[in-house]
Amino acid sequence: MNCSLGFQKCDPAEELATVAYSRKLSSGLTLLSTAPEHAEQLEELQKTVFPTLSYDEMFRAEHYQKHIELFPQGQFVVVDGDRVVGYDHGSTNEYRL
């Protein structure tokens, strides 16, 4: 089923379940489809990666959750155990980890 391309209507949660991705990397980290439960950690990660952003410039958890809702197949996180250590929002098709 490919709801995101407009071929048919469906529940975004149903589509997310069909496109979930998980790959264990040689480094021991795991590349995953981003899920709503990652949103809080993504907000915190952004503060570390971009410490000079003002509050108004930052994505907050609700922004990440909206990205996941609108385009679930284009959001990826890298986790070390349960901790989010990287993020990509689908702007590239080549991963350099």
C-alpha atoms as a PDB file:
ATOM      1  CA  MET A   1       0.000   0.000   0.000  1.00  0.00           C
ATOM      2  CA  ASN A   2       1.406   3.410  -0.887  1.00  0.00           C
ATOM      3  CA  CYS A   3      -0.745   6.038   0.804  1.00  0.00           C
ATOM      4  CA  SER A   4       1.818   8.828   0.766  1.00  0.00           C
ATOM      5  CA  LEU A   5       1.786   9.082  -3.017  1.00  0.00           C
ATOM      6  CA  GLY A   6      -1.976   9.602  -3.034  1.00  0.00           C
ATOM      7  CA  PHE A   7      -2.935   6.338  -4.674  1.00  0.00           C
ATOM      8  CA  GLN A   8      -5.438   5.596  -1.952  1.00  0.00           C
ATOM      9  CA  LYS A   9      -6.534   6.854   1.426  1.00  0.00           C
ATOM     10  CA  CYS A  10      -5.316   5.115   4.551  1.00  0.00           C
ATOM     11  CA  ASP A  11      -4.433   5.588   8.170  1.00  0.00           C
ATOM     12  CA  PRO A  12      -0.892   7.075   8.518  1.00  0.00           C
ATOM     13  CA  ALA A  13      -0.220   4.724  11.456  1.00  0.00           C
ATOM     14  CA  GLU A  14      -1.032   1.778   9.195  1.00  0.00           C
ATOM     15  CA  GLU A  15       1.403   3.055   6.581  1.00  0.00           C
ATOM     16  CA  LEU A  16       4.136   3.567   9.205  1.00  0.00           C
ATOM     17  CA  ALA A  17       3.755  -0.054  10.223  1.00  0.00           C
ATOM     18  CA  THR A  18       4.323  -1.119   6.627  1.00  0.00           C
ATOM     19  CA  VAL A  19       7.478   0.963   6.097  1.00  0.00           C
ATOM     20  CA  ALA A  20       9.260   0.471   9.428  1.00  0.00           C
ATOM     21  CA  TYR A  21      12.971  -0.027   8.857  1.00  0.00           C
ATOM     22  CA  SER A  22      15.657  -1.423  11.119  1.00  0.00           C
ATOM     23  CA  ARG A  23      19.274  -2.200  10.283  1.00  0.00           C
ATOM     24  CA  LYS A  24      22.096  -3.074  12.662  1.00  0.00           C
ATOM     25  CA  LEU A  25      25.279  -1.286  11.546  1.00  0.00           C
ATOM     26  CA  SER A  26      28.798  -2.686  11.823  1.00  0.00           C
ATOM     27  CA  SER A  27      29.501  -0.045  14.490  1.00  0.00           C
ATOM     28  CA  GLY A  28      26.895  -1.649  16.749  1.00  0.00           C
ATOM     29  CA  LEU A  29      24.487   1.259  16.252  1.00  0.00           C
ATOM     30  CA  THR A  30      21.047   0.685  14.740  1.00  0.00           C
ATOM     31  CA  LEU A  31      19.385   2.672  11.944  1.00  0.00           C
ATOM     32  CA  LEU A  32      15.602   2.788  12.457  1.00  0.00           C
ATOM     33  CA  SER A  33      12.517   4.405  11.043  1.00  0.00           C
ATOM     34  CA  THR A  34      11.770   7.293  13.383  1.00  0.00           C
ATOM     35  CA  ALA A  35       8.836   6.660  15.705  1.00  0.00           C
ATOM     36  CA  PRO A  36       6.849   9.119  17.832  1.00  0.00           C
ATOM     37  CA  GLU A  37       8.651   7.916  20.970  1.00  0.00           C
ATOM     38  CA  HIS A  38      11.927   9.313  19.548  1.00  0.00           C
ATOM     39  CA  ALA A  39      10.609  12.900  19.403  1.00  0.00           C
ATOM     40  CA  GLU A  40      11.669  14.001  22.897  1.00  0.00           C
ATOM     41  CA  GLN A  41      15.199  12.663  22.413  1.00  0.00           C
ATOM     42  CA  LEU A  42      15.425  14.355  19.001  1.00  0.00           C
ATOM     43  CA  GLU A  43      14.586  17.681  20.596  1.00  0.00           C
ATOM     44  CA  GLU A  44      17.377  17.145  23.133  1.00  0.00           C
ATOM     45  CA  LEU A  45      19.850  15.945  20.477  1.00  0.00           C
ATOM     46  CA  GLN A  46      19.249  19.132  18.494  1.00  0.00           C
ATOM     47  CA  LYS A  47      20.318  21.221  21.513  1.00  0.00           C
ATOM     48  CA  THR A  48      23.640  19.348  21.543  1.00  0.00           C
ATOM     49  CA  VAL A  49      24.227  19.440  17.790  1.00  0.00           C
ATOM     50  CA  PHE A  50      23.086  23.057  17.278  1.00  0.00           C
ATOM     51  CA  PRO A  51      23.796  24.808  20.613  1.00  0.00           C
ATOM     52  CA  THR A  52      23.497  28.307  19.145  1.00  0.00           C
ATOM     53  CA  LEU A  53      19.906  27.946  17.925  1.00  0.00           C
ATOM     54  CA  SER A  54      17.420  30.103  19.763  1.00  0.00           C
ATOM     55  CA  TYR A  55      14.279  28.494  21.148  1.00  0.00           C
ATOM     56  CA  ASP A  56      12.256  29.941  18.263  1.00  0.00           C
ATOM     57  CA  GLU A  57      14.590  28.346  15.692  1.00  0.00           C
ATOM     58  CA  MET A  58      14.519  24.888  17.245  1.00  0.00           C
ATOM     59  CA  PHE A  59      12.321  21.967  16.297  1.00  0.00           C
ATOM     60  CA  ARG A  60      10.462  20.748  19.304  1.00  0.00           C
ATOM     61  CA  ALA A  61       9.099  17.256  19.900  1.00  0.00           C
ATOM     62  CA  GLU A  62       5.753  18.160  18.346  1.00  0.00           C
ATOM     63  CA  HIS A  63       7.519  19.236  15.125  1.00  0.00           C
ATOM     64  CA  TYR A  64       9.294  15.891  14.853  1.00  0.00           C
ATOM     65  CA  GLN A  65       6.019  14.098  15.533  1.00  0.00           C
ATOM     66  CA  LYS A  66       4.332  16.046  12.724  1.00  0.00           C
ATOM     67  CA  HIS A  67       7.153  15.093  10.325  1.00  0.00           C
ATOM     68  CA  ILE A  68       6.619  11.445  11.229  1.00  0.00           C
ATOM     69  CA  GLU A  69       2.879  11.798  10.714  1.00  0.00           C
ATOM     70  CA  LEU A  70       3.226  13.483   7.307  1.00  0.00           C
ATOM     71  CA  PHE A  71       6.119  11.487   5.844  1.00  0.00           C
ATOM     72  CA  PRO A  72       6.937   8.454   8.005  1.00  0.00           C
ATOM     73  CA  GLN A  73       9.061   6.716   5.380  1.00  0.00           C
ATOM     74  CA  GLY A  74      11.441   9.699   5.209  1.00  0.00           C
ATOM     75  CA  GLN A  75      12.477   9.925   8.860  1.00  0.00           C
ATOM     76  CA  PHE A  76      15.337   7.908  10.337  1.00  0.00           C
ATOM     77  CA  VAL A  77      17.181   7.787  13.649  1.00  0.00           C
ATOM     78  CA  VAL A  78      20.392   6.112  14.696  1.00  0.00           C
ATOM     79  CA  VAL A  79      20.246   4.627  18.166  1.00  0.00           C
ATOM     80  CA  ASP A  80      22.840   3.334  20.569  1.00  0.00           C
ATOM     81  CA  GLY A  81      20.716   0.988  22.646  1.00  0.00           C
ATOM     82  CA  ASP A  82      17.696   3.120  23.537  1.00  0.00           C
ATOM     83  CA  ARG A  83      19.500   6.457  23.097  1.00  0.00           C
ATOM     84  CA  VAL A  84      19.023   8.494  19.896  1.00  0.00           C
ATOM     85  CA  VAL A  85      22.454   9.583  18.627  1.00  0.00           C
ATOM     86  CA  GLY A  86      21.622  10.630  15.053  1.00  0.00           C
ATOM     87  CA  TYR A  87      18.790  11.719  12.792  1.00  0.00           C
ATOM     88  CA  ASP A  88      18.036  12.140   9.113  1.00  0.00           C
ATOM     89  CA  HIS A  89      14.838  13.483   7.640  1.00  0.00           C
ATOM     90  CA  GLY A  90      15.239  11.994   4.181  1.00  0.00           C
ATOM     91  CA  SER A  91      17.074  14.874   2.548  1.00  0.00           C
ATOM     92  CA  THR A  92      19.618  12.450   1.139  1.00  0.00           C
ATOM     93  CA  ASN A  93      19.594   8.896  -0.068  1.00  0.00           C
ATOM     94  CA  GLU A  94      23.177   8.205   0.964  1.00  0.00           C
ATOM     95  CA  TYR A  95      24.028   7.498   4.607  1.00  0.00           C
ATOM     96  CA  ARG A  96      27.520   8.277   5.830  1.00  0.00           C
ATOM     97  CA  LEU A  97      27.751   6.924   9.368  1.00  0.00           C
END
